[in-house]
């Protein structure tokens, strides 16, 4: 399969941002804002600026929608959805579980997704209609279909209402599945389901840039991705994603 120019640009941008993040991992970091349940780093901004520079170099008429702001041509047929560091709190505390997430959406439809973990040097990539890969090798979701065999990650969001809803669901799921995990990166959660490491992911409130690349990747790998408006935070999303075989709908 010939790599599209969109995928090539996304890979270039993700690897450049990941290189920057790896160089600064474990060092003193400039904090732009310290929130109760989140941290905003100067490196988030720098990473998105680098991604934006690379993408607009290749496609100057495209629109960039990122966690750290917008750039480019609003109203363009092609929109890039960027989370420069998904797992910023992990990054700040020296926990090596974070990634760069970049997706491209053309005329409202996702067409490219790239997730890059610079610490593990793992790159997940997919194009619409293509084969999803991890470091160039094809991937599929796991074959596990029984709840009792499943490893599930539950995201714990940032508001009290979301946390309370998450705790209630977590208690019901944890006693029935093999294991639960709380990892701190939505994009990596979806990538891990896509390649068979995890079986499901649930989170009460999430943003489009956290999940856009992972959605395309997971569905291409055989998984199911369900998103609805968050009931605990207007403007955010509720996500329920699985390997396409295990059914946790009774816990929702």
Protein backbone atom coordinates (compact mmCIF):
# COMPACT_ATOMS: atom_id res chain seq x y z
CA UNK A 1 0.00 0.00 0.00
CA UNK A 2 1.33 3.41 -0.95
CA UNK A 3 1.39 5.78 1.99
CA UNK A 4 -0.79 8.84 1.47
CA UNK A 5 0.63 12.33 1.85
CA UNK A 6 -1.70 12.87 4.82
CA UNK A 7 -0.40 9.85 6.69
CA UNK A 8 3.20 10.71 5.85
CA UNK A 9 2.77 14.23 7.25
CA UNK A 10 1.04 12.93 10.38
CA UNK A 11 3.89 10.51 11.04
CA UNK A 12 6.49 13.21 10.52
CA UNK A 13 4.72 15.57 12.91
CA UNK A 14 4.06 12.92 15.58
CA UNK A 15 7.67 11.71 15.57
CA UNK A 16 9.05 15.26 15.72
CA UNK A 17 6.86 16.13 18.71
CA UNK A 18 7.66 12.82 20.37
CA UNK A 19 11.37 13.43 19.97
CA UNK A 20 10.99 16.83 21.65
CA UNK A 21 9.05 15.27 24.52
CA UNK A 22 11.53 12.45 25.04
CA UNK A 23 14.41 14.94 25.18
CA UNK A 24 12.71 16.81 28.04
CA UNK A 25 11.20 13.84 29.87
CA UNK A 26 12.33 13.77 33.49
CA UNK A 27 13.66 17.34 33.42
CA UNK A 28 12.40 20.49 35.12
CA UNK A 29 9.31 21.59 33.24
CA UNK A 30 7.70 25.00 32.84
CA UNK A 31 4.10 24.89 34.05
CA UNK A 32 1.63 27.28 32.41
CA UNK A 33 -1.28 26.34 34.67
CA UNK A 34 -1.65 24.02 37.66
CA UNK A 35 -5.27 22.90 38.00
CA UNK A 36 -6.91 20.71 40.63
CA UNK A 37 -7.04 17.62 38.41
CA UNK A 38 -4.86 18.67 35.46
CA UNK A 39 -1.62 20.37 34.49
CA UNK A 40 -0.91 22.58 31.48
CA UNK A 41 2.74 22.55 30.42
CA UNK A 42 4.66 24.91 28.20
CA UNK A 43 5.82 21.76 26.42
CA UNK A 44 2.19 21.00 25.43
CA UNK A 45 2.14 24.34 23.63
CA UNK A 46 5.58 23.86 22.08
CA UNK A 47 4.67 20.37 20.90
CA UNK A 48 1.49 21.57 19.23
CA UNK A 49 3.32 24.47 17.62
CA UNK A 50 5.83 22.01 16.15
CA UNK A 51 3.05 19.72 14.90
CA UNK A 52 1.20 22.70 13.42
CA UNK A 53 4.33 23.97 11.67
CA UNK A 54 4.93 20.60 10.01
CA UNK A 55 1.32 19.99 8.98
CA UNK A 56 0.81 23.49 7.56
CA UNK A 57 4.15 23.25 5.76
CA UNK A 58 2.69 20.34 3.79
CA UNK A 59 -0.91 21.60 3.67
CA UNK A 60 -1.08 25.39 4.18
CA UNK A 61 -4.83 25.55 3.53
CA UNK A 62 -5.78 22.97 6.18
CA UNK A 63 -7.28 23.65 9.61
CA UNK A 64 -5.64 22.55 12.86
CA UNK A 65 -7.93 21.84 15.82
CA UNK A 66 -5.83 21.12 18.89
CA UNK A 67 -6.05 20.95 22.64
CA UNK A 68 -3.81 24.03 22.76
CA UNK A 69 -5.79 26.05 20.23
CA UNK A 70 -6.62 26.34 16.54
CA UNK A 71 -4.54 27.35 13.51
CA UNK A 72 -4.73 27.39 9.74
CA UNK A 73 -7.82 27.87 7.60
CA UNK A 74 -11.11 27.59 9.46
CA UNK A 75 -13.70 25.95 7.19
CA UNK A 76 -11.16 23.89 5.26
CA UNK A 77 -12.40 20.54 3.93
CA UNK A 78 -9.55 18.90 5.86
CA UNK A 79 -9.16 19.35 9.59
CA UNK A 80 -6.36 17.99 11.77
CA UNK A 81 -7.32 16.97 15.32
CA UNK A 82 -4.29 17.13 17.58
CA UNK A 83 -3.51 16.20 21.16
CA UNK A 84 0.18 17.12 21.50
CA UNK A 85 0.67 15.24 24.80
CA UNK A 86 -2.12 12.88 25.77
CA UNK A 87 -1.22 12.05 29.36
CA UNK A 88 0.28 15.35 30.46
CA UNK A 89 -0.07 14.59 34.17
CA UNK A 90 1.79 11.30 33.64
CA UNK A 91 4.47 13.20 31.75
CA UNK A 92 4.87 15.84 34.47
CA UNK A 93 5.22 13.22 37.21
CA UNK A 94 7.76 11.18 35.24
CA UNK A 95 5.37 8.31 34.49
CA UNK A 96 6.39 6.97 31.06
CA UNK A 97 2.87 6.54 29.68
CA UNK A 98 1.86 9.34 27.30
CA UNK A 99 1.67 9.89 23.57
CA UNK A 100 1.13 12.19 20.62
CA UNK A 101 -2.25 11.78 18.90
CA UNK A 102 -2.93 13.16 15.42
CA UNK A 103 -5.95 12.52 13.20
CA UNK A 104 -7.11 13.99 9.90
CA UNK A 105 -10.77 14.49 9.09
CA UNK A 106 -11.82 15.21 5.48
CA UNK A 107 -15.32 16.53 4.83
CA UNK A 108 -16.39 15.32 8.26
CA UNK A 109 -14.96 11.81 7.97
CA UNK A 110 -11.83 10.53 9.72
CA UNK A 111 -9.25 9.44 7.13
CA UNK A 112 -5.91 9.21 9.00
CA UNK A 113 -4.90 8.38 12.55
CA UNK A 114 -1.44 8.28 14.18
CA UNK A 115 -0.59 7.63 17.84
CA UNK A 116 3.05 7.75 18.89
CA UNK A 117 4.51 6.69 22.25
CA UNK A 118 8.03 8.17 22.26
CA UNK A 119 9.20 6.31 25.38
CA UNK A 120 8.37 2.87 24.00
CA UNK A 121 9.04 4.05 20.42
CA UNK A 122 5.71 2.59 19.33
CA UNK A 123 3.79 4.04 16.40
CA UNK A 124 0.22 3.09 15.61
CA UNK A 125 -0.98 4.24 12.19
CA UNK A 126 -4.02 3.79 9.99
CA UNK A 127 -5.70 5.22 6.93
CA UNK A 128 -9.40 4.95 6.14
CA UNK A 129 -9.97 1.61 4.44
CA UNK A 130 -6.44 0.44 5.20
CA UNK A 131 -4.80 -2.02 7.56
CA UNK A 132 -3.98 -0.67 11.02
CA UNK A 133 -0.37 -1.15 12.09
CA UNK A 134 1.95 -0.99 15.08
CA UNK A 135 5.50 -0.18 14.01
CA UNK A 136 4.57 -1.28 10.50
CA UNK A 137 3.08 -4.65 11.45
CA UNK A 138 -0.66 -5.35 11.05
CA UNK A 139 -2.69 -5.47 14.26
CA UNK A 140 -6.07 -6.84 15.35
CA UNK A 141 -8.08 -6.66 18.54
CA UNK A 142 -8.01 -9.60 20.95
CA UNK A 143 -10.29 -12.63 20.57
CA UNK A 144 -11.47 -12.45 24.19
CA UNK A 145 -15.27 -12.48 24.34
CA UNK A 146 -16.04 -13.33 27.97
CA UNK A 147 -16.29 -10.53 30.53
CA UNK A 148 -14.42 -12.71 33.02
CA UNK A 149 -11.40 -12.82 30.67
CA UNK A 150 -11.33 -9.11 29.90
CA UNK A 151 -8.82 -6.48 30.98
CA UNK A 152 -10.63 -3.14 31.10
CA UNK A 153 -9.37 0.40 31.57
CA UNK A 154 -11.70 2.95 33.17
CA UNK A 155 -10.84 6.62 32.88
CA UNK A 156 -11.41 8.83 35.89
CA UNK A 157 -12.36 12.29 34.72
CA UNK A 158 -11.79 15.67 36.29
CA UNK A 159 -15.09 16.77 37.85
CA UNK A 160 -16.67 15.49 41.06
CA UNK A 161 -19.81 14.37 39.21
CA UNK A 162 -17.76 12.47 36.63
CA UNK A 163 -15.58 10.90 39.32
CA UNK A 164 -18.59 9.69 41.26
CA UNK A 165 -20.13 8.14 38.14
CA UNK A 166 -16.79 6.52 37.27
CA UNK A 167 -16.34 5.06 40.76
CA UNK A 168 -19.81 3.54 40.68
CA UNK A 169 -19.22 1.90 37.30
CA UNK A 170 -15.70 0.83 38.27
CA UNK A 171 -16.97 -1.04 41.34
CA UNK A 172 -19.49 -2.97 39.25
CA UNK A 173 -17.02 -3.84 36.50
CA UNK A 174 -14.01 -4.67 38.68
CA UNK A 175 -15.62 -7.64 40.41
CA UNK A 176 -16.55 -9.33 37.11
CA UNK A 177 -13.56 -8.78 34.79
CA UNK A 178 -10.12 -10.34 35.08
CA UNK A 179 -8.39 -7.02 35.80
CA UNK A 180 -8.97 -3.29 35.63
CA UNK A 181 -6.37 -0.69 34.80
CA UNK A 182 -6.16 3.11 35.15
CA UNK A 183 -3.48 4.33 32.75
CA UNK A 184 -3.99 8.05 32.11
CA UNK A 185 -4.05 8.30 28.31
CA UNK A 186 -7.23 7.88 26.28
CA UNK A 187 -5.36 7.60 22.99
CA UNK A 188 -3.10 4.84 24.29
CA UNK A 189 -6.09 3.04 25.81
CA UNK A 190 -7.67 2.84 22.35
CA UNK A 191 -4.37 1.86 20.74
CA UNK A 192 -3.91 -0.89 23.32
CA UNK A 193 -7.36 -2.31 22.55
CA UNK A 194 -6.60 -2.13 18.83
CA UNK A 195 -3.50 -4.30 19.23
CA UNK A 196 -4.99 -6.73 21.76
CA UNK A 197 -3.40 -5.58 25.02
CA UNK A 198 -6.69 -4.38 26.50
CA UNK A 199 -10.28 -5.35 25.79
CA UNK A 200 -12.37 -2.30 26.69
CA UNK A 201 -12.22 1.35 27.74
CA UNK A 202 -14.86 3.55 29.38
CA UNK A 203 -14.68 7.23 30.33
CA UNK A 204 -17.35 9.70 31.43
CA UNK A 205 -15.97 12.88 29.84
CA UNK A 206 -13.40 13.20 27.11
CA UNK A 207 -12.57 15.55 24.21
CA UNK A 208 -12.47 14.89 20.49
CA UNK A 209 -8.70 15.35 20.26
CA UNK A 210 -8.16 12.61 22.87
CA UNK A 211 -9.95 9.95 20.83
CA UNK A 212 -10.09 10.87 17.12
CA UNK A 213 -6.99 8.94 16.01
CA UNK A 214 -7.81 6.05 18.33
CA UNK A 215 -11.35 5.73 16.97
CA UNK A 216 -10.18 5.18 13.40
CA UNK A 217 -7.44 2.83 14.55
CA UNK A 218 -9.70 0.74 16.77
CA UNK A 219 -12.49 0.34 14.24
CA UNK A 220 -10.02 -0.66 11.54
CA UNK A 221 -8.59 -3.30 13.90
CA UNK A 222 -12.00 -4.89 14.47
CA UNK A 223 -13.15 -3.03 17.57
CA UNK A 224 -16.34 -1.19 18.44
CA UNK A 225 -16.28 2.50 19.31
CA UNK A 226 -19.29 4.21 20.82
CA UNK A 227 -19.46 7.88 21.72
CA UNK A 228 -22.37 9.92 23.07
CA UNK A 229 -22.65 13.36 24.70
CA UNK A 230 -21.36 13.27 28.26
CA UNK A 231 -24.13 13.27 30.88
CA UNK A 232 -21.83 14.85 33.47
CA UNK A 233 -20.11 17.58 31.45
CA UNK A 234 -21.87 19.49 28.63
CA UNK A 235 -19.68 19.75 25.54
CA UNK A 236 -17.64 16.67 26.41
CA UNK A 237 -18.07 13.06 25.24
CA UNK A 238 -18.79 9.73 26.91
CA UNK A 239 -16.75 6.87 25.40
CA UNK A 240 -17.33 3.12 25.48
CA UNK A 241 -14.90 1.15 23.32
CA UNK A 242 -14.29 -2.59 23.10
CA UNK A 243 -12.44 -5.22 21.09
CA UNK A 244 -15.69 -5.90 19.24
CA UNK A 245 -16.34 -9.14 21.11
CA UNK A 246 -16.65 -8.53 24.85
CA UNK A 247 -19.95 -6.97 25.91
CA UNK A 248 -19.97 -4.55 28.83
CA UNK A 249 -23.15 -2.72 27.86
CA UNK A 250 -24.96 -3.90 31.00
CA UNK A 251 -22.48 -1.82 33.07
CA UNK A 252 -23.20 1.43 31.26
